[in-house]
Amino acid sequence: MLDYKESLISDIRNAENLHGHLGPFLVIGVKMARLAKKTLNLDEAKQRDMQILAKLPLVTPFSCILDGVQATTKCTIGNGKLKVKRSNGDITAIFKLKSQDKAVKILVKNQLIDELKSQLSMGTPNEKLAWTIADTSEDQLFEVQNR
């Protein structure tokens, strides 16, 4: 069985494979989805029951979050388990179990987005920022609301 770090790296590499390259917003999506699965106490069987509503700006690099979420949860736009709405700023996702009255809302902290935009504009490589996000604790990345 993989430990947390090995499992995270595996999920990031799977998402990178789907997405085509590694970047910080892809890793945000992976970590957001992993946090939701942990919060909702999901195993593989229960994961099939999940539905997600993501709200974010529908432009790159923000939309890269969607591929991280899709690769990690197997909830996709194509299978109808991932719905996406345009947001003018905030990045949130509500992860819900259809058969239960359980949901978690995860908001990406605005200061994280501001810092990433600043780092990218200064030329910091995508891959470096991606691994920085991978090593950052969830409470520094997200606000979580159980519903």
Protein backbone atom coordinates (compact mmCIF):
# COMPACT_ATOMS: atom_id res chain seq x y z
CA MET A 1 0.00 0.00 0.00
CA LEU A 2 1.29 3.45 -0.91
CA ASP A 3 1.97 6.01 1.78
CA TYR A 4 0.47 9.50 1.51
CA LYS A 5 3.37 11.04 -0.44
CA GLU A 6 3.65 8.12 -2.90
CA SER A 7 -0.10 8.14 -3.42
CA LEU A 8 -0.10 11.92 -4.03
CA ILE A 9 2.75 11.63 -6.55
CA SER A 10 0.89 8.82 -8.32
CA ASP A 11 -2.28 10.94 -8.54
CA ILE A 12 -0.29 13.93 -9.82
CA ARG A 13 1.43 11.82 -12.48
CA ASN A 14 -1.94 10.37 -13.59
CA ALA A 15 -3.37 13.88 -13.87
CA GLU A 16 -0.27 15.07 -15.75
CA ASN A 17 -0.75 12.17 -18.18
CA LEU A 18 -4.34 13.21 -18.85
CA HIS A 19 -3.59 16.93 -19.00
CA GLY A 20 -0.41 16.83 -21.04
CA HIS A 21 1.89 18.80 -18.72
CA LEU A 22 2.48 19.54 -15.06
CA GLY A 23 1.42 22.83 -13.51
CA PRO A 24 0.31 24.26 -10.18
CA PHE A 25 -3.38 24.54 -11.04
CA LEU A 26 -3.51 20.89 -12.09
CA VAL A 27 -2.06 19.96 -8.68
CA ILE A 28 -4.60 22.20 -6.95
CA GLY A 29 -7.32 20.12 -8.62
CA VAL A 30 -5.69 16.87 -7.54
CA LYS A 31 -5.30 18.02 -3.94
CA MET A 32 -8.82 19.46 -3.86
CA ALA A 33 -10.27 16.12 -5.03
CA ARG A 34 -8.13 14.10 -2.61
CA LEU A 35 -9.25 16.30 0.27
CA ALA A 36 -12.90 15.83 -0.70
CA LYS A 37 -12.49 12.06 -0.90
CA LYS A 38 -10.82 12.01 2.53
CA THR A 39 -13.43 14.34 4.08
CA LEU A 40 -16.31 12.28 2.69
CA ASN A 41 -14.54 9.02 3.67
CA LEU A 42 -14.81 7.58 0.18
CA ASP A 43 -13.59 4.23 -0.99
CA GLU A 44 -13.65 3.19 -4.66
CA ALA A 45 -17.24 1.90 -4.47
CA LYS A 46 -18.63 5.05 -2.85
CA GLN A 47 -16.62 7.23 -5.24
CA ARG A 48 -18.87 6.09 -8.11
CA ASP A 49 -21.72 7.83 -6.29
CA MET A 50 -20.01 11.24 -6.26
CA GLN A 51 -21.11 14.31 -8.19
CA ILE A 52 -19.19 17.58 -8.38
CA LEU A 53 -20.15 21.16 -9.12
CA ALA A 54 -17.07 23.27 -9.84
CA LYS A 55 -17.18 27.06 -10.14
CA LEU A 56 -14.13 28.81 -11.55
CA PRO A 57 -12.97 31.18 -14.27
CA LEU A 58 -13.14 29.12 -17.48
CA VAL A 59 -9.76 30.25 -18.82
CA THR A 60 -6.30 28.78 -18.43
CA PRO A 61 -4.58 28.32 -16.10
CA PHE A 62 -7.62 28.12 -13.78
CA SER A 63 -9.44 25.57 -15.94
CA CYS A 64 -6.48 23.20 -15.47
CA ILE A 65 -7.94 22.51 -12.01
CA LEU A 66 -10.73 20.58 -13.75
CA ASP A 67 -8.34 18.01 -15.19
CA GLY A 68 -6.81 17.43 -11.76
CA VAL A 69 -10.29 16.86 -10.31
CA GLN A 70 -11.34 14.59 -13.18
CA ALA A 71 -8.19 12.46 -13.06
CA THR A 72 -8.43 12.01 -9.30
CA THR A 73 -12.17 11.34 -8.92
CA LYS A 74 -13.16 9.83 -12.28
CA CYS A 75 -16.04 12.32 -12.23
CA THR A 76 -15.85 13.86 -15.67
CA ILE A 77 -17.76 16.27 -17.82
CA GLY A 78 -18.26 13.39 -20.26
CA ASN A 79 -19.88 11.02 -17.77
CA GLY A 80 -22.02 13.83 -16.39
CA LYS A 81 -20.70 13.61 -12.83
CA LEU A 82 -18.81 16.90 -13.11
CA LYS A 83 -20.75 20.07 -13.78
CA VAL A 84 -18.92 23.34 -14.35
CA LYS A 85 -20.10 26.91 -13.92
CA ARG A 86 -18.23 30.08 -14.79
CA SER A 87 -17.04 32.21 -11.90
CA ASN A 88 -15.57 35.68 -12.16
CA GLY A 89 -13.13 35.09 -9.34
CA ASP A 90 -13.61 32.53 -6.61
CA ILE A 91 -12.67 28.92 -7.25
CA THR A 92 -14.90 26.44 -5.44
CA ALA A 93 -16.10 22.89 -5.83
CA ILE A 94 -18.92 21.08 -4.09
CA PHE A 95 -18.36 17.33 -3.85
CA LYS A 96 -21.59 15.49 -3.11
CA LEU A 97 -22.62 11.89 -2.62
CA LYS A 98 -25.87 11.26 -4.53
CA SER A 99 -27.20 8.51 -2.30
CA GLN A 100 -26.42 10.27 0.98
CA ASP A 101 -26.96 13.70 2.39
CA LYS A 102 -23.22 14.33 2.51
CA ALA A 103 -21.31 17.08 0.77
CA VAL A 104 -18.21 19.16 1.20
CA LYS A 105 -17.51 22.57 -0.31
CA ILE A 106 -13.86 23.40 -0.94
CA LEU A 107 -12.75 26.94 -1.71
CA VAL A 108 -9.28 27.71 -3.04
CA LYS A 109 -7.84 30.55 -0.96
CA ASN A 110 -7.62 33.79 -2.94
CA GLN A 111 -4.17 34.64 -1.56
CA LEU A 112 -2.87 31.37 -3.06
CA ILE A 113 -4.21 32.33 -6.48
CA ASP A 114 -2.69 35.81 -6.18
CA GLU A 115 0.68 34.34 -5.19
CA LEU A 116 0.65 31.84 -8.07
CA LYS A 117 -0.22 34.55 -10.60
CA SER A 118 2.62 36.66 -9.25
CA GLN A 119 5.12 33.78 -9.38
CA LEU A 120 4.07 32.84 -12.92
CA SER A 121 4.39 36.45 -14.11
CA MET A 122 7.94 36.51 -12.69
CA GLY A 123 8.81 33.43 -14.76
CA THR A 124 8.84 30.77 -12.05
CA PRO A 125 8.59 27.40 -13.88
CA ASN A 126 5.23 25.61 -13.82
CA GLU A 127 6.80 22.37 -12.59
CA LYS A 128 8.49 24.08 -9.64
CA LEU A 129 5.22 25.70 -8.60
CA ALA A 130 3.39 22.39 -9.05
CA TRP A 131 5.69 20.59 -6.60
CA THR A 132 5.48 23.52 -4.18
CA ILE A 133 1.69 23.13 -4.18
CA ALA A 134 2.08 19.37 -3.74
CA ASP A 135 4.15 20.00 -0.59
CA THR A 136 1.78 22.64 0.82
CA SER A 137 -0.71 21.55 3.49
CA GLU A 138 -4.41 21.57 2.61
CA ASP A 139 -5.23 24.15 5.27
CA GLN A 140 -2.91 26.63 3.54
CA LEU A 141 -4.56 25.96 0.16
CA PHE A 142 -8.25 25.58 0.94
CA GLU A 143 -11.19 26.54 3.12
CA VAL A 144 -13.49 23.59 3.77
CA GLN A 145 -17.19 23.66 4.62
CA ASN A 146 -19.03 20.45 5.44
CA ARG A 147 -22.63 20.53 4.31
